[in-house]
Protein backbone atom coordinates (compact mmCIF):
# COMPACT_ATOMS: atom_id res chain seq x y z
CA VAL A 1 -25.06 12.80 -10.66
CA GLU A 2 -27.01 14.95 -8.20
CA GLU A 3 -29.97 12.55 -8.37
CA VAL A 4 -27.76 9.51 -7.69
CA VAL A 5 -26.16 11.22 -4.69
CA ALA A 6 -29.56 12.39 -3.40
CA VAL A 7 -31.09 8.86 -3.21
CA PRO A 8 -28.15 8.15 -1.80
CA LEU A 9 -26.80 5.41 -4.06
CA PRO A 10 -23.07 5.91 -3.39
CA ALA A 11 -23.59 4.77 0.24
CA VAL A 12 -24.59 1.31 -1.08
CA PHE A 13 -21.12 0.75 -2.51
CA MET A 14 -19.10 2.84 -0.07
CA PRO A 15 -20.53 2.15 3.39
CA HIS A 16 -17.61 3.78 5.22
CA GLY A 17 -15.77 7.07 5.38
CA LEU A 18 -12.86 8.23 3.28
CA GLY A 19 -10.23 8.05 6.00
CA HIS A 20 -9.33 8.54 9.63
CA LEU A 21 -6.63 9.84 11.92
CA MET A 22 -3.71 7.52 12.68
CA GLY A 23 -1.72 7.66 15.87
CA ILE A 24 -1.27 5.38 18.84
CA ASP A 25 -4.15 3.29 17.52
CA THR A 26 -4.81 2.43 13.86
CA HIS A 27 -8.20 4.15 14.03
CA ASP A 28 -7.13 6.94 16.34
CA VAL A 29 -9.70 8.99 18.21
CA GLY A 30 -10.19 12.69 17.60
CA GLY A 31 -11.66 12.66 14.12
CA TYR A 32 -14.40 14.99 15.33
CA PRO A 33 -13.67 18.15 17.30
CA ARG A 34 -15.39 18.44 20.69
CA GLY A 35 -19.04 19.33 20.19
CA ALA A 36 -19.19 18.44 16.49
CA LYS A 37 -22.33 16.57 15.43
CA ARG A 38 -22.17 13.51 13.22
CA ALA A 39 -24.32 13.51 10.10
CA GLN A 40 -26.99 10.80 10.10
CA ARG A 41 -27.49 10.58 6.34
CA PRO A 42 -26.32 7.33 4.70
CA GLY A 43 -23.00 7.92 3.03
CA LEU A 44 -22.06 10.58 5.58
CA ARG A 45 -22.79 8.98 8.97
CA ASN A 46 -19.78 6.66 8.78
CA ILE A 47 -17.25 9.40 8.12
CA ARG A 48 -14.59 9.10 10.84
CA LEU A 49 -12.78 12.36 10.18
CA ASN A 50 -14.49 15.74 10.10
CA ARG A 51 -12.08 18.39 11.29
CA ARG A 52 -9.57 20.93 10.03
CA LEU A 53 -6.32 19.13 9.25
CA GLU A 54 -3.23 20.48 10.98
CA GLU A 55 0.48 20.13 10.30
CA GLY A 56 1.84 16.92 11.80
CA MET A 57 -1.44 14.96 11.69
CA VAL A 58 -1.27 11.53 10.06
CA VAL A 59 -4.37 10.43 8.19
CA THR A 60 -5.52 7.71 5.85
CA VAL A 61 -7.13 8.40 2.49
CA GLU A 62 -9.02 5.24 1.62
CA PRO A 63 -11.70 5.29 -1.04
CA GLY A 64 -13.28 1.90 -1.62
CA CYS A 65 -16.02 0.21 -3.58
CA TYR A 66 -17.75 -2.84 -2.11
CA PHE A 67 -20.47 -5.19 -3.33
CA ILE A 68 -22.12 -6.35 -0.10
CA ASN A 69 -25.14 -8.53 -0.74
CA HIS A 70 -27.32 -7.01 2.00
CA PHE A 71 -26.75 -3.44 0.78
CA VAL A 72 -27.07 -4.37 -2.90
CA GLU A 73 -30.36 -6.23 -2.41
CA GLU A 74 -31.74 -3.45 -0.21
CA ALA A 75 -30.94 -0.90 -2.93
CA LEU A 76 -32.37 -3.08 -5.72
CA ALA A 77 -35.63 -3.35 -3.75
CA ASP A 78 -35.84 0.46 -3.62
CA GLU A 79 -37.17 1.86 -6.91
CA ALA A 80 -35.47 5.23 -6.33
CA ARG A 81 -32.03 3.56 -6.30
CA ALA A 82 -32.66 0.50 -8.46
CA LYS A 83 -33.40 2.60 -11.56
CA TYR A 84 -29.73 3.65 -11.64
CA MET A 85 -28.32 0.10 -11.45
CA ASP A 86 -28.01 -2.83 -13.82
CA ALA A 87 -29.26 -5.53 -11.41
CA ALA A 88 -27.58 -8.44 -13.18
CA LYS A 89 -24.19 -6.72 -13.33
CA VAL A 90 -24.31 -5.48 -9.74
CA ARG A 91 -25.41 -8.89 -8.41
CA GLY A 92 -22.61 -10.45 -10.47
CA MET A 93 -20.09 -8.39 -8.50
CA VAL A 94 -21.33 -9.52 -5.05
CA GLY A 95 -19.03 -12.57 -5.06
CA PHE A 96 -16.07 -10.31 -5.87
CA GLY A 97 -16.37 -8.41 -2.62
CA GLY A 98 -14.72 -5.09 -3.24
CA VAL A 99 -11.55 -3.06 -3.29
CA ARG A 100 -10.06 -0.29 -1.19
CA ILE A 101 -6.99 1.71 -2.10
CA GLU A 102 -5.39 3.26 0.96
CA ASP A 103 -2.77 5.94 1.23
CA ASP A 104 -1.34 7.18 4.51
CA VAL A 105 -0.22 10.81 4.55
CA ILE A 106 1.44 13.26 6.90
CA ILE A 107 -0.10 16.72 6.81
CA THR A 108 2.64 19.30 6.22
CA LYS A 109 2.72 23.09 6.34
CA ASP A 110 2.28 23.25 2.56
CA GLY A 111 0.28 20.10 1.81
CA MET A 112 1.09 16.49 2.55
CA GLU A 113 3.81 13.84 2.39
CA LEU A 114 2.81 10.43 1.07
CA MET A 115 3.97 7.64 3.40
CA THR A 116 2.50 4.80 1.34
CA ASN A 117 5.02 3.36 -1.06
CA VAL A 118 3.36 0.53 -2.96
CA PRO A 119 2.69 -0.11 -6.65
CA ARG A 120 -0.68 1.34 -7.69
CA THR A 121 -0.86 1.56 -11.47
CA VAL A 122 -0.93 -1.31 -13.95
CA LYS A 123 2.52 -0.27 -15.18
CA GLU A 124 3.95 -0.32 -11.64
CA ILE A 125 2.35 -3.63 -10.65
CA GLU A 126 3.53 -5.36 -13.83
CA ALA A 127 7.06 -3.99 -13.33
CA VAL A 128 7.28 -5.21 -9.74
CA MET A 129 5.84 -8.59 -10.67
CA SER A 130 8.60 -8.94 -13.28
CA GLY A 131 11.26 -8.21 -10.62
CA MET A 132 12.04 -4.55 -11.29
CA ASP A 133 12.98 -2.18 -8.48
CA PHE A 134 10.29 0.13 -7.19
CA PRO A 135 9.39 2.94 -7.37
CA LEU A 136 9.97 3.23 -11.08
CA ALA A 137 12.04 6.14 -12.34
CA ASP A 138 9.27 6.85 -14.87
CA SER A 139 6.28 6.10 -12.62
CA ASP A 140 2.88 7.13 -13.91
CA TYR A 141 1.49 7.57 -10.37
CA PRO A 142 0.63 11.26 -9.94
CA ILE A 143 1.77 11.68 -6.30
CA PRO A 144 5.52 11.80 -5.56
CA ARG A 145 6.92 9.13 -3.24
CA CYS A 146 9.85 9.56 -0.89
CA VAL A 147 11.06 5.98 -0.23
CA LYS A 148 12.76 3.43 -2.51
CA TRP A 149 12.64 -0.32 -2.06
CA SER A 150 13.87 -3.24 -4.12
CA ALA A 151 12.12 -6.41 -5.19
CA PRO A 152 13.12 -9.53 -3.24
CA GLN A 153 16.03 -11.59 -4.57
CA GLY A 154 14.79 -13.63 -7.54
CA GLY A 155 11.94 -11.27 -8.36
CA ALA A 156 8.68 -10.34 -6.67
CA GLY A 157 6.49 -13.17 -5.53
CA LYS A 158 9.21 -15.84 -5.90
């Protein structure tokens, strides 16, 4: 794992940070304290939040994995990174694009409160698609949610 991070292969598939502050603007300013220096290393230079979190802050947590042709081909042309990839499989994913799963959280005195209330697991998505109310009483999502919503009349997606 250390070798893969060192080359830095993860930056090929995750060319952005893991989250940002939210406020008046979707990508609110202030992710770096005054005087803080941004890292220039691929995989770190796009991080938009590098500060101590304080109670009352609202932030996104948004890991993603993307298959962007330019970045994939650049990595495949670099022997140090290409040796860790199956070229055919990675190129086969380029047409897919990618996926990002985003949560929005409020930083609390003792941790965080999850604001995002959407189905995430296979069990939850299948239940909502069949018209069940969400969140499920027996959800398998590991983070507690605080809001309940119901599927539209006639089932989800109808």
